[in-house]
Amino acid sequence: MYQALAAILLGASALHSNCATVWGMKTAQLPPVRVPPSVRQAIESVLHEGETLSQFVEQAAVQAAQRRKAQQEFVARGRASLARSREAGEFYGATDALDAMQKRLAARMAVLQQRS
């Protein structure tokens, strides 16, 4: 998991291929997380066979980092698209965009229905 998180945040080329070490850095611990006993019990109740609480927390942290990175990239693409639209002076309304997507969906569904 550490390799996955480091690959997400630093890029895959920064990883050492034989261990969970990032070039020039050893793996690090996450800070302890204080939660009410009910939260711990809820987490422990859904652990997979053989899975530890630490593994669960690590996986949750990696997945949260992946989601945040995807969100940041999504926002960056949206801002870049808006900037290109402003430069070109070319904008499309939501209705036009939704109509175009609906037509593409209908065409694809027609193709799939013909196959079955």
C-alpha atoms as a PDB file:
ATOM      1  CA  MET A   1       0.000   0.000   0.000  1.00  0.00           C
ATOM      2  CA  TYR A   2       2.805   2.446   0.761  1.00  0.00           C
ATOM      3  CA  GLN A   3       4.071   1.956  -2.759  1.00  0.00           C
ATOM      4  CA  ALA A   4       0.612   2.666  -4.134  1.00  0.00           C
ATOM      5  CA  LEU A   5       0.295   5.897  -2.157  1.00  0.00           C
ATOM      6  CA  ALA A   6       3.796   7.015  -3.088  1.00  0.00           C
ATOM      7  CA  ALA A   7       3.160   6.182  -6.747  1.00  0.00           C
ATOM      8  CA  ILE A   8       0.001   8.277  -6.664  1.00  0.00           C
ATOM      9  CA  LEU A   9       1.572  11.250  -4.956  1.00  0.00           C
ATOM     10  CA  LEU A  10       5.089  11.173  -6.387  1.00  0.00           C
ATOM     11  CA  GLY A  11       4.792   9.262  -9.632  1.00  0.00           C
ATOM     12  CA  ALA A  12       5.718   5.633 -10.201  1.00  0.00           C
ATOM     13  CA  SER A  13       9.304   6.453 -11.202  1.00  0.00           C
ATOM     14  CA  ALA A  14      10.103   7.609  -7.669  1.00  0.00           C
ATOM     15  CA  LEU A  15       9.681   4.127  -6.200  1.00  0.00           C
ATOM     16  CA  HIS A  16      12.437   1.674  -5.479  1.00  0.00           C
ATOM     17  CA  SER A  17      11.482  -1.558  -7.193  1.00  0.00           C
ATOM     18  CA  ASN A  18      12.371  -3.995  -4.402  1.00  0.00           C
ATOM     19  CA  CYS A  19      10.787  -2.494  -1.292  1.00  0.00           C
ATOM     20  CA  ALA A  20       8.342   0.036   0.069  1.00  0.00           C
ATOM     21  CA  THR A  21      10.942   2.779  -0.010  1.00  0.00           C
ATOM     22  CA  VAL A  22      10.758   5.993  -1.957  1.00  0.00           C
ATOM     23  CA  TRP A  23      14.125   7.185  -3.278  1.00  0.00           C
ATOM     24  CA  GLY A  24      15.974   8.830  -0.420  1.00  0.00           C
ATOM     25  CA  MET A  25      13.143   8.308   2.077  1.00  0.00           C
ATOM     26  CA  LYS A  26      12.057   5.488   4.354  1.00  0.00           C
ATOM     27  CA  THR A  27       8.414   4.677   4.831  1.00  0.00           C
ATOM     28  CA  ALA A  28       6.616   6.858   7.359  1.00  0.00           C
ATOM     29  CA  GLN A  29       3.921   6.313   9.933  1.00  0.00           C
ATOM     30  CA  LEU A  30       0.588   8.043   9.764  1.00  0.00           C
ATOM     31  CA  PRO A  31      -0.429   9.876  12.908  1.00  0.00           C
ATOM     32  CA  PRO A  32      -2.660   7.970  15.314  1.00  0.00           C
ATOM     33  CA  VAL A  33      -6.332   8.668  14.831  1.00  0.00           C
ATOM     34  CA  ARG A  34      -8.612   9.082  17.830  1.00  0.00           C
ATOM     35  CA  VAL A  35     -12.159   7.892  17.253  1.00  0.00           C
ATOM     36  CA  PRO A  36     -15.073   7.052  19.517  1.00  0.00           C
ATOM     37  CA  PRO A  37     -15.283   3.373  20.498  1.00  0.00           C
ATOM     38  CA  SER A  38     -18.379   3.000  18.322  1.00  0.00           C
ATOM     39  CA  VAL A  39     -16.390   3.956  15.207  1.00  0.00           C
ATOM     40  CA  ARG A  40     -13.671   1.441  16.022  1.00  0.00           C
ATOM     41  CA  GLN A  41     -16.295  -1.241  16.594  1.00  0.00           C
ATOM     42  CA  ALA A  42     -18.000  -0.383  13.310  1.00  0.00           C
ATOM     43  CA  ILE A  43     -14.694  -0.681  11.436  1.00  0.00           C
ATOM     44  CA  GLU A  44     -13.721  -3.912  13.147  1.00  0.00           C
ATOM     45  CA  SER A  45     -17.117  -5.389  12.275  1.00  0.00           C
ATOM     46  CA  VAL A  46     -16.382  -5.050   8.540  1.00  0.00           C
ATOM     47  CA  LEU A  47     -12.762  -6.213   8.446  1.00  0.00           C
ATOM     48  CA  HIS A  48     -12.069  -9.030   5.998  1.00  0.00           C
ATOM     49  CA  GLU A  49     -10.736 -12.354   7.237  1.00  0.00           C
ATOM     50  CA  GLY A  50      -7.146 -11.826   8.370  1.00  0.00           C
ATOM     51  CA  GLU A  51      -7.253  -8.063   7.792  1.00  0.00           C
ATOM     52  CA  THR A  52      -5.910  -5.868  10.568  1.00  0.00           C
ATOM     53  CA  LEU A  53      -7.218  -2.514  11.681  1.00  0.00           C
ATOM     54  CA  SER A  54      -3.907  -0.982  10.573  1.00  0.00           C
ATOM     55  CA  GLN A  55      -4.283  -2.454   7.079  1.00  0.00           C
ATOM     56  CA  PHE A  56      -7.835  -1.111   6.876  1.00  0.00           C
ATOM     57  CA  VAL A  57      -6.755   2.379   7.924  1.00  0.00           C
ATOM     58  CA  GLU A  58      -3.826   2.318   5.493  1.00  0.00           C
ATOM     59  CA  GLN A  59      -6.073   1.224   2.622  1.00  0.00           C
ATOM     60  CA  ALA A  60      -8.626   3.911   3.517  1.00  0.00           C
ATOM     61  CA  ALA A  61      -5.887   6.565   3.488  1.00  0.00           C
ATOM     62  CA  VAL A  62      -4.601   5.411   0.091  1.00  0.00           C
ATOM     63  CA  GLN A  63      -8.104   5.381  -1.384  1.00  0.00           C
ATOM     64  CA  ALA A  64      -8.849   8.836   0.045  1.00  0.00           C
ATOM     65  CA  ALA A  65      -5.623  10.152  -1.506  1.00  0.00           C
ATOM     66  CA  GLN A  66      -6.581   8.600  -4.860  1.00  0.00           C
ATOM     67  CA  ARG A  67     -10.033  10.208  -4.729  1.00  0.00           C
ATOM     68  CA  ARG A  68      -8.611  13.602  -3.814  1.00  0.00           C
ATOM     69  CA  LYS A  69      -6.041  13.405  -6.595  1.00  0.00           C
ATOM     70  CA  ALA A  70      -8.767  12.467  -9.092  1.00  0.00           C
ATOM     71  CA  GLN A  71     -10.890  15.379  -7.844  1.00  0.00           C
ATOM     72  CA  GLN A  72      -7.990  17.799  -8.196  1.00  0.00           C
ATOM     73  CA  GLU A  73      -7.298  16.576 -11.732  1.00  0.00           C
ATOM     74  CA  PHE A  74     -11.009  16.882 -12.596  1.00  0.00           C
ATOM     75  CA  VAL A  75     -11.119  20.476 -11.359  1.00  0.00           C
ATOM     76  CA  ALA A  76      -7.903  21.281 -13.238  1.00  0.00           C
ATOM     77  CA  ARG A  77      -9.362  19.870 -16.487  1.00  0.00           C
ATOM     78  CA  GLY A  78     -12.548  21.891 -15.933  1.00  0.00           C
ATOM     79  CA  ARG A  79     -10.618  25.096 -15.344  1.00  0.00           C
ATOM     80  CA  ALA A  80      -8.457  24.483 -18.400  1.00  0.00           C
ATOM     81  CA  SER A  81     -11.572  23.850 -20.480  1.00  0.00           C
ATOM     82  CA  LEU A  82     -13.153  27.051 -19.199  1.00  0.00           C
ATOM     83  CA  ALA A  83      -9.990  28.995 -20.032  1.00  0.00           C
ATOM     84  CA  ARG A  84      -9.965  27.551 -23.582  1.00  0.00           C
ATOM     85  CA  SER A  85     -13.642  28.469 -24.004  1.00  0.00           C
ATOM     86  CA  ARG A  86     -12.995  32.007 -22.836  1.00  0.00           C
ATOM     87  CA  GLU A  87     -10.028  32.369 -25.192  1.00  0.00           C
ATOM     88  CA  ALA A  88     -12.027  31.045 -28.142  1.00  0.00           C
ATOM     89  CA  GLY A  89     -15.219  32.818 -27.127  1.00  0.00           C
ATOM     90  CA  GLU A  90     -17.029  29.557 -27.746  1.00  0.00           C
ATOM     91  CA  PHE A  91     -19.481  28.304 -25.125  1.00  0.00           C
ATOM     92  CA  TYR A  92     -22.167  25.632 -25.213  1.00  0.00           C
ATOM     93  CA  GLY A  93     -25.256  25.622 -23.034  1.00  0.00           C
ATOM     94  CA  ALA A  94     -26.074  22.747 -20.713  1.00  0.00           C
ATOM     95  CA  THR A  95     -29.157  21.846 -22.754  1.00  0.00           C
ATOM     96  CA  ASP A  96     -27.106  21.550 -25.942  1.00  0.00           C
ATOM     97  CA  ALA A  97     -24.468  19.434 -24.202  1.00  0.00           C
ATOM     98  CA  LEU A  98     -27.085  17.135 -22.633  1.00  0.00           C
ATOM     99  CA  ASP A  99     -28.910  16.781 -25.964  1.00  0.00           C
ATOM    100  CA  ALA A 100     -25.655  15.761 -27.668  1.00  0.00           C
ATOM    101  CA  MET A 101     -24.921  13.199 -24.956  1.00  0.00           C
ATOM    102  CA  GLN A 102     -28.483  11.837 -25.174  1.00  0.00           C
ATOM    103  CA  LYS A 103     -28.096  11.365 -28.938  1.00  0.00           C
ATOM    104  CA  ARG A 104     -24.796   9.516 -28.435  1.00  0.00           C
ATOM    105  CA  LEU A 105     -26.393   7.299 -25.797  1.00  0.00           C
ATOM    106  CA  ALA A 106     -29.401   6.531 -27.989  1.00  0.00           C
ATOM    107  CA  ALA A 107     -27.147   5.651 -30.921  1.00  0.00           C
ATOM    108  CA  ARG A 108     -25.031   3.336 -28.767  1.00  0.00           C
ATOM    109  CA  MET A 109     -28.097   1.655 -27.277  1.00  0.00           C
ATOM    110  CA  ALA A 110     -29.473   1.066 -30.780  1.00  0.00           C
ATOM    111  CA  VAL A 111     -26.209  -0.633 -31.791  1.00  0.00           C
ATOM    112  CA  LEU A 112     -26.269  -2.848 -28.705  1.00  0.00           C
ATOM    113  CA  GLN A 113     -29.928  -3.785 -29.254  1.00  0.00           C
ATOM    114  CA  GLN A 114     -29.159  -4.834 -32.831  1.00  0.00           C
ATOM    115  CA  ARG A 115     -26.442  -7.197 -31.554  1.00  0.00           C
ATOM    116  CA  SER A 116     -28.764  -9.029 -29.191  1.00  0.00           C
END
